[in-house]
Protein backbone atom coordinates (compact mmCIF):
# COMPACT_ATOMS: atom_id res chain seq x y z
CA MET A 1 -57.36 9.09 221.36
CA ASN A 2 -55.01 10.55 218.85
CA LEU A 3 -54.52 14.26 218.29
CA MET A 4 -56.64 14.49 215.13
CA MET A 5 -59.70 12.91 216.76
CA MET A 6 -59.30 15.21 219.75
CA ILE A 7 -59.24 18.32 217.51
CA ILE A 8 -62.29 17.14 215.54
CA THR A 9 -64.18 16.42 218.77
CA ILE A 10 -63.35 19.82 220.28
CA THR A 11 -64.27 21.77 217.13
CA THR A 12 -67.53 19.85 216.66
CA THR A 13 -68.52 20.31 220.31
CA LEU A 14 -67.64 24.01 220.24
CA SER A 15 -69.59 24.54 217.00
CA ILE A 16 -72.69 22.83 218.41
CA ILE A 17 -72.49 24.83 221.66
CA LEU A 18 -72.12 28.13 219.79
CA ALA A 19 -75.01 27.28 217.44
CA ILE A 20 -77.30 26.47 220.39
CA VAL A 21 -76.27 29.61 222.30
CA SER A 22 -76.80 31.83 219.25
CA PHE A 23 -80.26 30.33 218.75
CA TRP A 24 -81.50 30.78 222.31
CA LEU A 25 -79.63 33.93 223.39
CA PRO A 26 -81.19 36.73 221.29
CA GLN A 27 -84.38 38.32 222.53
CA MET A 28 -87.27 37.79 220.17
CA SER A 29 -89.41 40.88 220.74
CA PRO A 30 -89.89 42.61 217.39
CA ASP A 31 -91.74 45.92 217.37
CA TYR A 32 -92.76 48.34 214.64
CA GLU A 33 -89.39 50.08 214.49
CA LYS A 34 -87.46 46.83 214.27
CA LEU A 35 -89.70 45.51 211.51
CA SER A 36 -89.45 48.66 209.39
CA PRO A 37 -86.85 48.63 206.64
CA TYR A 38 -85.26 51.81 208.03
CA GLU A 39 -84.53 52.08 211.73
CA CYS A 40 -83.44 55.72 211.64
CA GLY A 41 -86.78 57.17 212.68
CA PHE A 42 -88.15 58.67 209.46
CA ASP A 43 -89.98 57.26 206.50
CA PRO A 44 -88.03 56.91 203.26
CA LEU A 45 -88.90 59.57 200.69
CA GLY A 46 -87.57 57.99 197.50
CA THR A 47 -86.59 54.65 196.16
CA ALA A 48 -83.71 52.82 197.75
CA ARG A 49 -82.69 51.33 194.41
CA LEU A 50 -80.11 53.75 193.07
CA PRO A 51 -78.20 52.52 190.02
CA PHE A 52 -74.50 51.90 190.41
CA SER A 53 -72.06 53.26 187.91
CA LEU A 54 -70.44 50.67 185.69
CA ARG A 55 -67.10 52.23 186.50
CA PHE A 56 -67.56 51.05 190.10
CA PHE A 57 -67.85 47.48 188.85
CA LEU A 58 -64.84 47.94 186.59
CA VAL A 59 -62.68 49.09 189.50
CA ALA A 60 -63.98 46.22 191.63
CA ILE A 61 -63.14 43.70 188.92
CA LEU A 62 -59.69 45.22 188.47
CA PHE A 63 -59.12 44.96 192.22
CA LEU A 64 -60.13 41.31 192.22
CA LEU A 65 -57.97 40.62 189.18
CA PHE A 66 -54.85 42.12 190.73
CA ASP A 67 -55.65 40.47 194.05
CA LEU A 68 -55.76 37.16 192.19
CA GLU A 69 -52.45 38.04 190.57
CA ILE A 70 -50.85 38.39 194.00
CA ALA A 71 -52.30 35.02 195.03
CA LEU A 72 -50.90 33.40 191.88
CA LEU A 73 -47.46 34.97 192.28
CA LEU A 74 -47.16 34.33 196.01
CA PRO A 75 -45.56 30.87 195.61
CA LEU A 76 -43.06 32.25 193.07
CA PRO A 77 -40.10 32.45 195.49
CA TRP A 78 -40.44 28.73 196.13
CA GLY A 79 -40.55 28.09 192.39
CA ASP A 80 -36.78 28.19 192.15
CA GLN A 81 -36.75 24.87 194.02
CA LEU A 82 -38.44 23.15 191.08
CA PRO A 83 -36.45 21.17 188.47
CA SER A 84 -36.90 23.98 185.92
CA PRO A 85 -37.11 27.38 187.63
CA LEU A 86 -36.89 29.13 184.27
CA THR A 87 -40.31 27.75 183.28
CA THR A 88 -41.82 29.05 186.51
CA PHE A 89 -40.27 32.46 185.90
CA LEU A 90 -41.59 32.55 182.32
CA TRP A 91 -45.14 31.71 183.41
CA ALA A 92 -45.05 34.39 186.10
CA THR A 93 -43.69 36.90 183.61
CA THR A 94 -46.44 35.98 181.14
CA ILE A 95 -49.11 36.60 183.79
CA LEU A 96 -47.60 39.96 184.70
CA VAL A 97 -47.26 41.05 181.06
CA LEU A 98 -50.88 40.11 180.24
CA LEU A 99 -52.22 41.95 183.28
CA THR A 100 -50.06 45.00 182.54
CA LEU A 101 -51.22 45.08 178.91
CA GLY A 102 -54.85 44.86 180.05
CA LEU A 103 -54.36 47.69 182.53
CA VAL A 104 -52.67 49.89 179.92
CA TYR A 105 -55.49 49.17 177.46
CA GLU A 106 -58.15 50.15 180.02
CA TRP A 107 -56.19 53.24 180.92
CA HIS A 108 -55.91 54.39 177.28
CA GLN A 109 -59.60 53.67 176.63
CA GLY A 110 -60.50 55.95 179.55
CA GLY A 111 -62.13 53.21 181.57
CA LEU A 112 -60.41 54.28 184.77
CA GLU A 113 -61.51 57.93 184.59
CA TRP A 114 -64.25 58.81 187.09
CA ALA A 115 -65.16 62.19 185.60
CA GLU A 116 -66.59 62.25 182.12
């Protein structure tokens, strides 16, 4: 058996064993405290649905955007191996300039300020 078939067999067997163990291992004895939405010992007084600030979502989106930027620019050092490294550098610079302009715009609009 070649190496690839051996790896597929081992991973499939291990996945099936872990799925069976995780199905049979936990104890299924629910009681009132386990079935309640809060296990801390007291009844909730108010609603659990508190609205999030839109600024939280803005910061989360900015984080994801700049995280994506890092993922896009990660292969940049290997881009100089391409036939035209100048094109790769120009595309990377374009991405950085657009993201910087967007960040500056949000900053000047006050979108990153937590206190109003």
